[in-house]
Amino acid sequence: MPSKTNNKETPIEVKINKWDGSAVKNALDDAVKDVLTEKFNYQESFALMDGRLALCSVAVGVAMFALLWDYLNPFPKSRHVLIICVISYFVLMGLLSLYTTYKEKGIFVVAVDKTKNLVWEASSYLQKYDDKYNLIINVTDKKTKSFRAASFTKSVANFIDQNGVVLNDLIENEITKIHNSVLSEKKDK
């Protein structure tokens, strides 16, 4: 897959520690994202991540306000404001946890096909001490609000060679199969 290239237009080899589960998962996720955004030319949407960033920004703002208020009005005077800020911060962190658990759901890329009004969401997981990479791709049609999903579970050895090099061509083939099967489901309906 010539998506990751240097100035000479040769593919850059992604090499990872094949025994590090999170590095393996992240490298495979990046390869899937590259296929959706570069091969199929879908535009990546950052709205999901922006929600998390907004919650974090508000929480940091509350903490900064508490720090400034305590600096201007030393502790005994600032007690009530600090209590409100601390409670607000913990509420915001709780909302952030709920957001990442129930809204993001492990989604690492949201790609939008503007020509067909489709939104592609990819999420994955890799259990600790397991070699099975689980990828779930959800497709939502913006017009009809219809929803389709496809997934696969394969060993990471199918996508990473002995030296820890990610085999982008094999990932691209697998994602292309899923992509075409989801699009053919839409035509059948």
N, C-alpha and C. Protein backbone atom coordinates (compact mmCIF):
# COMPACT_ATOMS: atom_id res chain seq x y z
N MET A 1 0.86 -1.18 0.00
CA MET A 1 0.00 0.00 0.00
C MET A 1 0.90 1.23 0.00
N PRO A 2 0.88 2.03 -1.04
CA PRO A 2 1.77 3.18 -1.11
C PRO A 2 1.25 4.40 -0.39
N SER A 3 0.50 4.23 0.68
CA SER A 3 -0.07 5.38 1.37
C SER A 3 0.97 6.12 2.20
N LYS A 4 1.72 5.39 2.97
CA LYS A 4 2.78 6.02 3.77
C LYS A 4 4.03 6.06 2.90
N THR A 5 4.36 7.22 2.38
CA THR A 5 5.50 7.32 1.50
C THR A 5 6.44 8.40 1.95
N ASN A 6 7.66 8.25 1.53
CA ASN A 6 8.63 9.33 1.77
C ASN A 6 8.71 10.16 0.49
N ASN A 7 9.69 11.02 0.37
CA ASN A 7 9.78 11.92 -0.79
C ASN A 7 10.02 11.18 -2.09
N LYS A 8 10.54 9.96 -2.05
CA LYS A 8 10.87 9.21 -3.25
C LYS A 8 9.71 8.31 -3.69
N GLU A 9 8.54 8.44 -3.05
CA GLU A 9 7.33 7.67 -3.37
C GLU A 9 7.52 6.16 -3.21
N THR A 10 8.37 5.75 -2.29
CA THR A 10 8.47 4.34 -1.96
C THR A 10 7.78 4.13 -0.62
N PRO A 11 7.09 3.00 -0.47
CA PRO A 11 6.37 2.77 0.78
C PRO A 11 7.31 2.74 1.99
N ILE A 12 6.87 3.37 3.06
CA ILE A 12 7.65 3.34 4.29
C ILE A 12 7.24 2.09 5.06
N GLU A 13 8.22 1.36 5.49
CA GLU A 13 8.00 0.13 6.23
C GLU A 13 7.73 0.46 7.69
N VAL A 14 6.59 -0.01 8.21
CA VAL A 14 6.24 0.21 9.61
C VAL A 14 6.69 -1.02 10.38
N LYS A 15 7.66 -0.83 11.27
CA LYS A 15 8.20 -1.94 12.05
C LYS A 15 7.89 -1.69 13.52
N ILE A 16 7.39 -2.73 14.18
CA ILE A 16 6.99 -2.61 15.58
C ILE A 16 7.55 -3.80 16.37
N ASN A 17 7.45 -3.68 17.67
CA ASN A 17 7.77 -4.81 18.55
C ASN A 17 6.55 -5.72 18.54
N LYS A 18 6.68 -6.87 17.88
CA LYS A 18 5.52 -7.75 17.70
C LYS A 18 5.04 -8.39 19.00
N TRP A 19 5.79 -8.22 20.08
CA TRP A 19 5.38 -8.78 21.37
C TRP A 19 4.66 -7.75 22.24
N ASP A 20 4.58 -6.53 21.77
CA ASP A 20 3.89 -5.46 22.50
C ASP A 20 2.47 -5.35 21.94
N GLY A 21 1.49 -5.84 22.68
CA GLY A 21 0.11 -5.90 22.21
C GLY A 21 -0.47 -4.56 21.82
N SER A 22 -0.21 -3.53 22.61
CA SER A 22 -0.79 -2.22 22.28
C SER A 22 -0.11 -1.62 21.05
N ALA A 23 1.18 -1.86 20.86
CA ALA A 23 1.86 -1.37 19.66
C ALA A 23 1.33 -2.08 18.42
N VAL A 24 1.07 -3.37 18.54
CA VAL A 24 0.51 -4.13 17.43
C VAL A 24 -0.87 -3.61 17.07
N LYS A 25 -1.72 -3.44 18.08
CA LYS A 25 -3.08 -2.95 17.83
C LYS A 25 -3.05 -1.57 17.20
N ASN A 26 -2.22 -0.67 17.73
CA ASN A 26 -2.15 0.68 17.19
C ASN A 26 -1.63 0.71 15.75
N ALA A 27 -0.65 -0.14 15.45
CA ALA A 27 -0.12 -0.19 14.08
C ALA A 27 -1.16 -0.72 13.11
N LEU A 28 -1.91 -1.74 13.52
CA LEU A 28 -2.97 -2.27 12.66
C LEU A 28 -4.10 -1.25 12.50
N ASP A 29 -4.44 -0.55 13.58
CA ASP A 29 -5.46 0.50 13.50
C ASP A 29 -5.03 1.60 12.52
N ASP A 30 -3.77 2.00 12.58
CA ASP A 30 -3.27 3.02 11.67
C ASP A 30 -3.34 2.56 10.22
N ALA A 31 -3.04 1.28 10.00
CA ALA A 31 -3.10 0.74 8.64
C ALA A 31 -4.54 0.73 8.12
N VAL A 32 -5.49 0.38 8.98
CA VAL A 32 -6.91 0.40 8.59
C VAL A 32 -7.33 1.83 8.27
N LYS A 33 -6.92 2.77 9.11
CA LYS A 33 -7.26 4.17 8.90
C LYS A 33 -6.69 4.66 7.57
N ASP A 34 -5.47 4.26 7.26
CA ASP A 34 -4.86 4.67 5.99
C ASP A 34 -5.64 4.13 4.80
N VAL A 35 -6.13 2.91 4.90
CA VAL A 35 -6.90 2.34 3.79
C VAL A 35 -8.18 3.15 3.58
N LEU A 36 -8.90 3.44 4.66
CA LEU A 36 -10.16 4.18 4.53
C LEU A 36 -9.95 5.61 4.04
N THR A 37 -8.92 6.27 4.53
CA THR A 37 -8.74 7.69 4.19
C THR A 37 -7.93 7.91 2.92
N GLU A 38 -7.03 7.00 2.60
CA GLU A 38 -6.17 7.23 1.44
C GLU A 38 -6.57 6.40 0.23
N LYS A 39 -6.84 5.13 0.41
CA LYS A 39 -7.22 4.31 -0.75
C LYS A 39 -8.61 4.68 -1.24
N PHE A 40 -9.57 4.79 -0.32
CA PHE A 40 -10.94 5.10 -0.72
C PHE A 40 -11.22 6.60 -0.75
N ASN A 41 -10.24 7.40 -0.37
CA ASN A 41 -10.35 8.86 -0.37
C ASN A 41 -11.53 9.38 0.44
N TYR A 42 -11.79 8.77 1.57
CA TYR A 42 -12.82 9.26 2.46
C TYR A 42 -12.19 10.32 3.36
N GLN A 43 -12.99 11.29 3.71
CA GLN A 43 -12.50 12.36 4.58
C GLN A 43 -12.67 11.95 6.03
N GLU A 44 -11.60 12.12 6.80
CA GLU A 44 -11.66 11.76 8.21
C GLU A 44 -12.40 12.85 8.99
N SER A 45 -13.32 12.41 9.83
CA SER A 45 -14.08 13.33 10.67
C SER A 45 -13.51 13.26 12.09
N PHE A 46 -13.28 14.41 12.67
CA PHE A 46 -12.71 14.47 14.00
C PHE A 46 -13.73 14.86 15.06
N ALA A 47 -15.01 14.85 14.72
CA ALA A 47 -16.06 15.30 15.63
C ALA A 47 -16.09 14.48 16.91
N LEU A 48 -15.89 13.18 16.81
CA LEU A 48 -15.90 12.31 17.99
C LEU A 48 -14.77 12.69 18.95
N MET A 49 -13.60 12.92 18.40
CA MET A 49 -12.46 13.31 19.22
C MET A 49 -12.61 14.73 19.75
N ASP A 50 -13.26 15.58 18.98
CA ASP A 50 -13.48 16.97 19.43
C ASP A 50 -14.37 17.02 20.66
N GLY A 51 -15.33 16.09 20.77
CA GLY A 51 -16.17 16.02 21.97
C GLY A 51 -15.34 15.73 23.20
N ARG A 52 -14.43 14.77 23.08
CA ARG A 52 -13.55 14.44 24.20
C ARG A 52 -12.64 15.63 24.52
N LEU A 53 -12.14 16.28 23.51
CA LEU A 53 -11.27 17.43 23.71
C LEU A 53 -12.01 18.57 24.40
N ALA A 54 -13.28 18.78 24.04
CA ALA A 54 -14.07 19.84 24.67
C ALA A 54 -14.28 19.56 26.16
N LEU A 55 -14.63 18.31 26.49
CA LEU A 55 -14.80 17.95 27.91
C LEU A 55 -13.50 18.15 28.69
N CYS A 56 -12.39 17.72 28.11
CA CYS A 56 -11.10 17.89 28.78
C CYS A 56 -10.75 19.37 28.94
N SER A 57 -11.05 20.17 27.94
CA SER A 57 -10.76 21.61 28.01
C SER A 57 -11.55 22.29 29.11
N VAL A 58 -12.82 21.93 29.24
CA VAL A 58 -13.64 22.51 30.30
C VAL A 58 -13.09 22.10 31.66
N ALA A 59 -12.70 20.84 31.80
CA ALA A 59 -12.15 20.36 33.08
C ALA A 59 -10.86 21.10 33.43
N VAL A 60 -9.99 21.29 32.45
CA VAL A 60 -8.76 22.03 32.70
C VAL A 60 -9.07 23.49 33.02
N GLY A 61 -10.07 24.06 32.37
CA GLY A 61 -10.49 25.43 32.67
C GLY A 61 -10.97 25.57 34.10
N VAL A 62 -11.74 24.59 34.57
CA VAL A 62 -12.21 24.61 35.96
C VAL A 62 -11.02 24.53 36.92
N ALA A 63 -10.07 23.66 36.61
CA ALA A 63 -8.89 23.53 37.47
C ALA A 63 -8.05 24.81 37.47
N MET A 64 -7.91 25.43 36.31
CA MET A 64 -7.15 26.68 36.24
C MET A 64 -7.86 27.81 36.99
N PHE A 65 -9.19 27.85 36.89
CA PHE A 65 -9.95 28.85 37.62
C PHE A 65 -9.76 28.68 39.13
N ALA A 66 -9.79 27.42 39.58
CA ALA A 66 -9.59 27.15 41.01
C ALA A 66 -8.19 27.60 41.45
N LEU A 67 -7.21 27.33 40.63
CA LEU A 67 -5.84 27.73 40.95
C LEU A 67 -5.71 29.25 41.03
N LEU A 68 -6.27 29.94 40.07
CA LEU A 68 -6.21 31.40 40.05
C LEU A 68 -6.99 32.00 41.22
N TRP A 69 -8.17 31.46 41.48
CA TRP A 69 -9.00 31.98 42.59
C TRP A 69 -8.28 31.79 43.93
N ASP A 70 -7.65 30.62 44.09
CA ASP A 70 -6.94 30.37 45.34
C ASP A 70 -5.71 31.27 45.45
N TYR A 71 -5.08 31.61 44.34
CA TYR A 71 -3.92 32.51 44.37
C TYR A 71 -4.36 33.93 44.76
N LEU A 72 -5.47 34.38 44.20
CA LEU A 72 -5.94 35.74 44.49
C LEU A 72 -6.60 35.86 45.86
N ASN A 73 -7.25 34.78 46.30
CA ASN A 73 -7.92 34.75 47.61
C ASN A 73 -7.42 33.51 48.36
N PRO A 74 -6.37 33.63 49.15
CA PRO A 74 -5.79 32.46 49.82
C PRO A 74 -6.82 31.62 50.58
N PHE A 75 -6.42 30.40 50.92
CA PHE A 75 -7.31 29.30 51.29
C PHE A 75 -8.52 29.61 52.15
N PRO A 76 -8.43 30.15 53.28
CA PRO A 76 -9.70 30.22 54.03
C PRO A 76 -10.81 30.96 53.26
N LYS A 77 -10.44 31.99 52.51
CA LYS A 77 -11.46 32.75 51.76
C LYS A 77 -11.98 31.96 50.55
N SER A 78 -11.13 31.14 49.95
CA SER A 78 -11.49 30.47 48.70
C SER A 78 -12.09 29.08 48.91
N ARG A 79 -12.37 28.72 50.12
CA ARG A 79 -12.80 27.36 50.43
C ARG A 79 -14.04 26.95 49.63
N HIS A 80 -15.08 27.74 49.59
CA HIS A 80 -16.32 27.37 48.92
C HIS A 80 -16.13 27.27 47.40
N VAL A 81 -15.36 28.19 46.84
CA VAL A 81 -15.10 28.14 45.40
C VAL A 81 -14.29 26.89 45.05
N LEU A 82 -13.30 26.57 45.89
CA LEU A 82 -12.50 25.37 45.65
C LEU A 82 -13.34 24.10 45.73
N ILE A 83 -14.25 24.04 46.68
CA ILE A 83 -15.13 22.87 46.80
C ILE A 83 -15.97 22.71 45.54
N ILE A 84 -16.52 23.81 45.05
CA ILE A 84 -17.33 23.76 43.82
C ILE A 84 -16.48 23.34 42.62
N CYS A 85 -15.27 23.87 42.54
CA CYS A 85 -14.39 23.52 41.42
C CYS A 85 -13.97 22.06 41.47
N VAL A 86 -13.65 21.55 42.65
CA VAL A 86 -13.24 20.15 42.77
C VAL A 86 -14.40 19.22 42.41
N ILE A 87 -15.59 19.54 42.89
CA ILE A 87 -16.76 18.72 42.56
C ILE A 87 -17.04 18.79 41.06
N SER A 88 -16.94 19.98 40.48
CA SER A 88 -17.15 20.14 39.03
C SER A 88 -16.14 19.33 38.24
N TYR A 89 -14.88 19.36 38.67
CA TYR A 89 -13.84 18.61 37.98
C TYR A 89 -14.14 17.12 38.00
N PHE A 90 -14.53 16.58 39.14
CA PHE A 90 -14.81 15.16 39.23
C PHE A 90 -16.06 14.78 38.43
N VAL A 91 -17.03 15.66 38.38
CA VAL A 91 -18.22 15.41 37.55
C VAL A 91 -17.81 15.38 36.08
N LEU A 92 -16.97 16.31 35.67
CA LEU A 92 -16.50 16.34 34.28
C LEU A 92 -15.68 15.11 33.93
N MET A 93 -14.86 14.63 34.86
CA MET A 93 -14.10 13.41 34.61
C MET A 93 -15.03 12.20 34.51
N GLY A 94 -16.10 12.20 35.29
CA GLY A 94 -17.10 11.13 35.18
C GLY A 94 -17.79 11.17 33.82
N LEU A 95 -18.14 12.38 33.36
CA LEU A 95 -18.74 12.52 32.04
C LEU A 95 -17.78 12.09 30.94
N LEU A 96 -16.51 12.40 31.12
CA LEU A 96 -15.50 11.97 30.14
C LEU A 96 -15.42 10.45 30.08
N SER A 97 -15.46 9.81 31.23
CA SER A 97 -15.44 8.34 31.26
C SER A 97 -16.66 7.76 30.55
N LEU A 98 -17.82 8.33 30.81
CA LEU A 98 -19.04 7.88 30.14
C LEU A 98 -18.97 8.12 28.63
N TYR A 99 -18.43 9.26 28.25
CA TYR A 99 -18.30 9.60 26.83
C TYR A 99 -17.41 8.60 26.10
N THR A 100 -16.24 8.31 26.69
CA THR A 100 -15.33 7.38 26.02
C THR A 100 -15.86 5.96 26.02
N THR A 101 -16.63 5.59 27.04
CA THR A 101 -17.15 4.23 27.12
C THR A 101 -18.35 4.01 26.21
N TYR A 102 -19.31 4.94 26.22
CA TYR A 102 -20.57 4.72 25.52
C TYR A 102 -20.70 5.44 24.18
N LYS A 103 -19.97 6.51 23.98
CA LYS A 103 -20.05 7.24 22.73
C LYS A 103 -18.92 6.84 21.78
N GLU A 104 -17.68 6.87 22.27
CA GLU A 104 -16.56 6.51 21.41
C GLU A 104 -16.48 5.01 21.16
N LYS A 105 -16.70 4.21 22.17
CA LYS A 105 -16.73 2.75 22.07
C LYS A 105 -15.51 2.17 21.35
N GLY A 106 -14.37 2.76 21.55
CA GLY A 106 -13.15 2.23 20.93
C GLY A 106 -13.00 2.60 19.46
N ILE A 107 -13.80 3.52 18.97
CA ILE A 107 -13.71 3.92 17.56
C ILE A 107 -12.42 4.71 17.36
N PHE A 108 -11.61 4.27 16.41
CA PHE A 108 -10.35 4.96 16.18
C PHE A 108 -10.35 5.78 14.90
N VAL A 109 -11.34 5.61 14.04
CA VAL A 109 -11.45 6.45 12.85
C VAL A 109 -12.91 6.57 12.44
N VAL A 110 -13.28 7.77 12.06
CA VAL A 110 -14.59 8.04 11.45
C VAL A 110 -14.27 8.66 10.10
N ALA A 111 -14.66 7.96 9.03
CA ALA A 111 -14.39 8.42 7.67
C ALA A 111 -15.72 8.67 6.97
N VAL A 112 -15.79 9.79 6.25
CA VAL A 112 -17.03 10.19 5.60
C VAL A 112 -16.86 10.11 4.08
N ASP A 113 -17.77 9.37 3.44
CA ASP A 113 -17.84 9.30 1.99
C ASP A 113 -18.90 10.31 1.56
N LYS A 114 -18.46 11.47 1.15
CA LYS A 114 -19.41 12.55 0.84
C LYS A 114 -20.20 12.29 -0.43
N THR A 115 -19.66 11.50 -1.36
CA THR A 115 -20.38 11.24 -2.60
C THR A 115 -21.61 10.36 -2.38
N LYS A 116 -21.52 9.43 -1.44
CA LYS A 116 -22.64 8.52 -1.18
C LYS A 116 -23.32 8.79 0.16
N ASN A 117 -22.88 9.82 0.87
CA ASN A 117 -23.42 10.16 2.20
C ASN A 117 -23.32 8.99 3.18
N LEU A 118 -22.17 8.35 3.20
CA LEU A 118 -21.93 7.24 4.12
C LEU A 118 -20.90 7.65 5.16
N VAL A 119 -21.12 7.17 6.38
CA VAL A 119 -20.16 7.39 7.47
C VAL A 119 -19.62 6.03 7.88
N TRP A 120 -18.31 5.87 7.77
CA TRP A 120 -17.63 4.63 8.12
C TRP A 120 -16.95 4.82 9.47
N GLU A 121 -17.24 3.93 10.42
CA GLU A 121 -16.60 3.96 11.74
C GLU A 121 -15.89 2.63 11.95
N ALA A 122 -14.64 2.70 12.35
CA ALA A 122 -13.87 1.48 12.60
C ALA A 122 -13.45 1.45 14.07
N SER A 123 -13.68 0.32 14.70
CA SER A 123 -13.22 0.11 16.07
C SER A 123 -12.59 -1.27 16.14
N SER A 124 -11.72 -1.44 17.10
CA SER A 124 -11.03 -2.72 17.22
C SER A 124 -10.67 -3.00 18.66
N TYR A 125 -10.35 -4.23 18.92
CA TYR A 125 -9.81 -4.59 20.22
C TYR A 125 -8.92 -5.81 20.07
N LEU A 126 -7.98 -5.90 20.98
CA LEU A 126 -7.02 -6.99 21.03
C LEU A 126 -6.85 -7.33 22.51
N GLN A 127 -7.33 -8.50 22.90
CA GLN A 127 -7.26 -8.89 24.30
C GLN A 127 -5.81 -9.05 24.74
N LYS A 128 -5.56 -8.83 26.00
CA LYS A 128 -4.22 -9.00 26.55
C LYS A 128 -3.82 -10.47 26.42
N TYR A 129 -2.60 -10.72 26.00
CA TYR A 129 -2.04 -12.06 25.82
C TYR A 129 -2.79 -12.87 24.78
N ASP A 130 -3.45 -12.22 23.85
CA ASP A 130 -4.17 -12.92 22.78
C ASP A 130 -3.63 -12.41 21.45
N ASP A 131 -3.69 -13.24 20.44
CA ASP A 131 -3.20 -12.83 19.13
C ASP A 131 -4.32 -12.50 18.16
N LYS A 132 -5.55 -12.50 18.61
CA LYS A 132 -6.70 -12.26 17.74
C LYS A 132 -7.04 -10.77 17.68
N TYR A 133 -6.90 -10.22 16.50
CA TYR A 133 -7.25 -8.81 16.23
C TYR A 133 -8.69 -8.79 15.77
N ASN A 134 -9.53 -8.07 16.49
CA ASN A 134 -10.96 -7.97 16.19
C ASN A 134 -11.25 -6.59 15.64
N LEU A 135 -11.74 -6.53 14.41
CA LEU A 135 -12.05 -5.26 13.77
C LEU A 135 -13.54 -5.22 13.45
N ILE A 136 -14.19 -4.13 13.81
CA ILE A 136 -15.60 -3.92 13.52
C ILE A 136 -15.72 -2.64 12.72
N ILE A 137 -16.39 -2.73 11.57
CA ILE A 137 -16.62 -1.56 10.74
C ILE A 137 -18.12 -1.35 10.65
N ASN A 138 -18.56 -0.16 11.06
CA ASN A 138 -19.97 0.22 10.99
C ASN A 138 -20.14 1.27 9.91
N VAL A 139 -21.19 1.11 9.12
CA VAL A 139 -21.48 2.06 8.06
C VAL A 139 -22.89 2.58 8.25
N THR A 140 -23.01 3.90 8.27
CA THR A 140 -24.32 4.53 8.43
C THR A 140 -24.60 5.39 7.21
N ASP A 141 -25.77 5.21 6.63
CA ASP A 141 -26.21 6.03 5.51
C ASP A 141 -26.89 7.26 6.10
N LYS A 142 -26.37 8.44 5.79
CA LYS A 142 -26.92 9.67 6.37
C LYS A 142 -28.34 9.95 5.90
N LYS A 143 -28.63 9.61 4.65
CA LYS A 143 -29.96 9.90 4.10
C LYS A 143 -31.03 9.03 4.74
N THR A 144 -30.83 7.72 4.67
CA THR A 144 -31.87 6.78 5.12
C THR A 144 -31.70 6.38 6.58
N LYS A 145 -30.61 6.78 7.18
CA LYS A 145 -30.29 6.41 8.57
C LYS A 145 -30.16 4.90 8.75
N SER A 146 -29.91 4.18 7.66
CA SER A 146 -29.72 2.73 7.76
C SER A 146 -28.31 2.44 8.27
N PHE A 147 -28.16 1.30 8.88
CA PHE A 147 -26.93 0.93 9.57
C PHE A 147 -26.52 -0.48 9.15
N ARG A 148 -25.26 -0.64 8.77
CA ARG A 148 -24.72 -1.96 8.45
C ARG A 148 -23.40 -2.13 9.18
N ALA A 149 -23.08 -3.36 9.47
CA ALA A 149 -21.82 -3.63 10.17
C ALA A 149 -21.16 -4.86 9.58
N ALA A 150 -19.86 -4.86 9.64
CA ALA A 150 -19.08 -6.01 9.22
C ALA A 150 -17.90 -6.12 10.17
N SER A 151 -17.42 -7.33 10.35
CA SER A 151 -16.30 -7.50 11.26
C SER A 151 -15.49 -8.73 10.86
N PHE A 152 -14.30 -8.79 11.41
CA PHE A 152 -13.50 -10.00 11.29
C PHE A 152 -12.61 -10.15 12.51
N THR A 153 -12.23 -11.37 12.76
CA THR A 153 -11.30 -11.70 13.84
C THR A 153 -10.22 -12.58 13.23
N LYS A 154 -9.01 -12.08 13.23
CA LYS A 154 -7.89 -12.84 12.67
C LYS A 154 -6.67 -12.66 13.55
N SER A 155 -5.78 -13.60 13.43
CA SER A 155 -4.52 -13.53 14.16
C SER A 155 -3.68 -12.38 13.63
N VAL A 156 -2.97 -11.72 14.53
CA VAL A 156 -2.10 -10.63 14.09
C VAL A 156 -0.97 -11.15 13.21
N ALA A 157 -0.70 -12.44 13.28
CA ALA A 157 0.34 -13.04 12.43
C ALA A 157 -0.04 -12.96 10.95
N ASN A 158 -1.33 -12.77 10.66
CA ASN A 158 -1.76 -12.61 9.27
C ASN A 158 -1.33 -11.26 8.70
N PHE A 159 -1.02 -10.30 9.56
CA PHE A 159 -0.74 -8.94 9.11
C PHE A 159 0.65 -8.43 9.49
N ILE A 160 1.39 -9.21 10.27
CA ILE A 160 2.73 -8.80 10.71
C ILE A 160 3.68 -9.96 10.47
N ASP A 161 4.82 -9.66 9.85
CA ASP A 161 5.76 -10.74 9.55
C ASP A 161 6.67 -11.05 10.74
N GLN A 162 7.59 -11.95 10.54
CA GLN A 162 8.50 -12.43 11.60
C GLN A 162 9.32 -11.30 12.22
N ASN A 163 9.65 -10.29 11.41
CA ASN A 163 10.50 -9.19 11.88
C ASN A 163 9.72 -8.05 12.51
N GLY A 164 8.40 -8.17 12.58
CA GLY A 164 7.58 -7.11 13.17
C GLY A 164 7.16 -6.04 12.18
N VAL A 165 7.28 -6.33 10.89
CA VAL A 165 6.90 -5.37 9.85
C VAL A 165 5.42 -5.57 9.52
N VAL A 166 4.68 -4.47 9.54
CA VAL A 166 3.24 -4.52 9.22
C VAL A 166 3.09 -4.70 7.71
N LEU A 167 2.33 -5.70 7.32
CA LEU A 167 2.10 -6.02 5.90
C LEU A 167 0.85 -5.28 5.43
N ASN A 168 1.06 -4.06 4.98
CA ASN A 168 -0.05 -3.19 4.61
C ASN A 168 -0.90 -3.74 3.47
N ASP A 169 -0.29 -4.47 2.54
CA ASP A 169 -1.05 -5.02 1.41
C ASP A 169 -2.10 -6.01 1.89
N LEU A 170 -1.76 -6.83 2.88
CA LEU A 170 -2.71 -7.81 3.39
C LEU A 170 -3.86 -7.13 4.14
N ILE A 171 -3.54 -6.09 4.87
CA ILE A 171 -4.58 -5.34 5.57
C ILE A 171 -5.49 -4.65 4.55
N GLU A 172 -4.88 -4.07 3.54
CA GLU A 172 -5.66 -3.39 2.49
C GLU A 172 -6.61 -4.37 1.81
N ASN A 173 -6.13 -5.57 1.50
CA ASN A 173 -7.00 -6.58 0.87
C ASN A 173 -8.18 -6.94 1.76
N GLU A 174 -7.93 -7.12 3.04
CA GLU A 174 -9.00 -7.49 3.98
C GLU A 174 -10.03 -6.36 4.13
N ILE A 175 -9.56 -5.14 4.23
CA ILE A 175 -10.47 -4.00 4.37
C ILE A 175 -11.25 -3.79 3.07
N THR A 176 -10.61 -4.01 1.94
CA THR A 176 -11.31 -3.89 0.65
C THR A 176 -12.41 -4.92 0.54
N LYS A 177 -12.16 -6.14 1.00
CA LYS A 177 -13.21 -7.17 1.00
C LYS A 177 -14.41 -6.74 1.85
N ILE A 178 -14.12 -6.26 3.05
CA ILE A 178 -15.19 -5.81 3.94
C ILE A 178 -15.93 -4.63 3.30
N HIS A 179 -15.18 -3.70 2.76
CA HIS A 179 -15.76 -2.51 2.13
C HIS A 179 -16.72 -2.93 1.01
N ASN A 180 -16.26 -3.81 0.14
CA ASN A 180 -17.09 -4.24 -0.99
C ASN A 180 -18.30 -5.04 -0.53
N SER A 181 -18.14 -5.86 0.51
CA SER A 181 -19.28 -6.64 0.99
C SER A 181 -20.35 -5.74 1.61
N VAL A 182 -19.94 -4.71 2.33
CA VAL A 182 -20.90 -3.78 2.91
C VAL A 182 -21.62 -2.99 1.83
N LEU A 183 -20.89 -2.56 0.81
CA LEU A 183 -21.52 -1.82 -0.28
C LEU A 183 -22.45 -2.71 -1.10
N SER A 184 -22.11 -3.99 -1.26
CA SER A 184 -22.99 -4.89 -2.01
C SER A 184 -24.25 -5.19 -1.21
N GLU A 185 -24.17 -5.22 0.12
CA GLU A 185 -25.37 -5.38 0.96
C GLU A 185 -26.33 -4.24 0.71
N LYS A 186 -25.80 -3.04 0.54
CA LYS A 186 -26.65 -1.86 0.33
C LYS A 186 -27.38 -1.99 -1.00
N LYS A 187 -26.68 -2.47 -2.03
CA LYS A 187 -27.30 -2.61 -3.35
C LYS A 187 -28.38 -3.68 -3.34
N ASP A 188 -28.17 -4.73 -2.55
CA ASP A 188 -29.14 -5.83 -2.50
C ASP A 188 -30.45 -5.41 -1.87
N LYS A 189 -30.40 -4.43 -0.97
CA LYS A 189 -31.62 -4.04 -0.25
C LYS A 189 -32.52 -3.17 -1.06
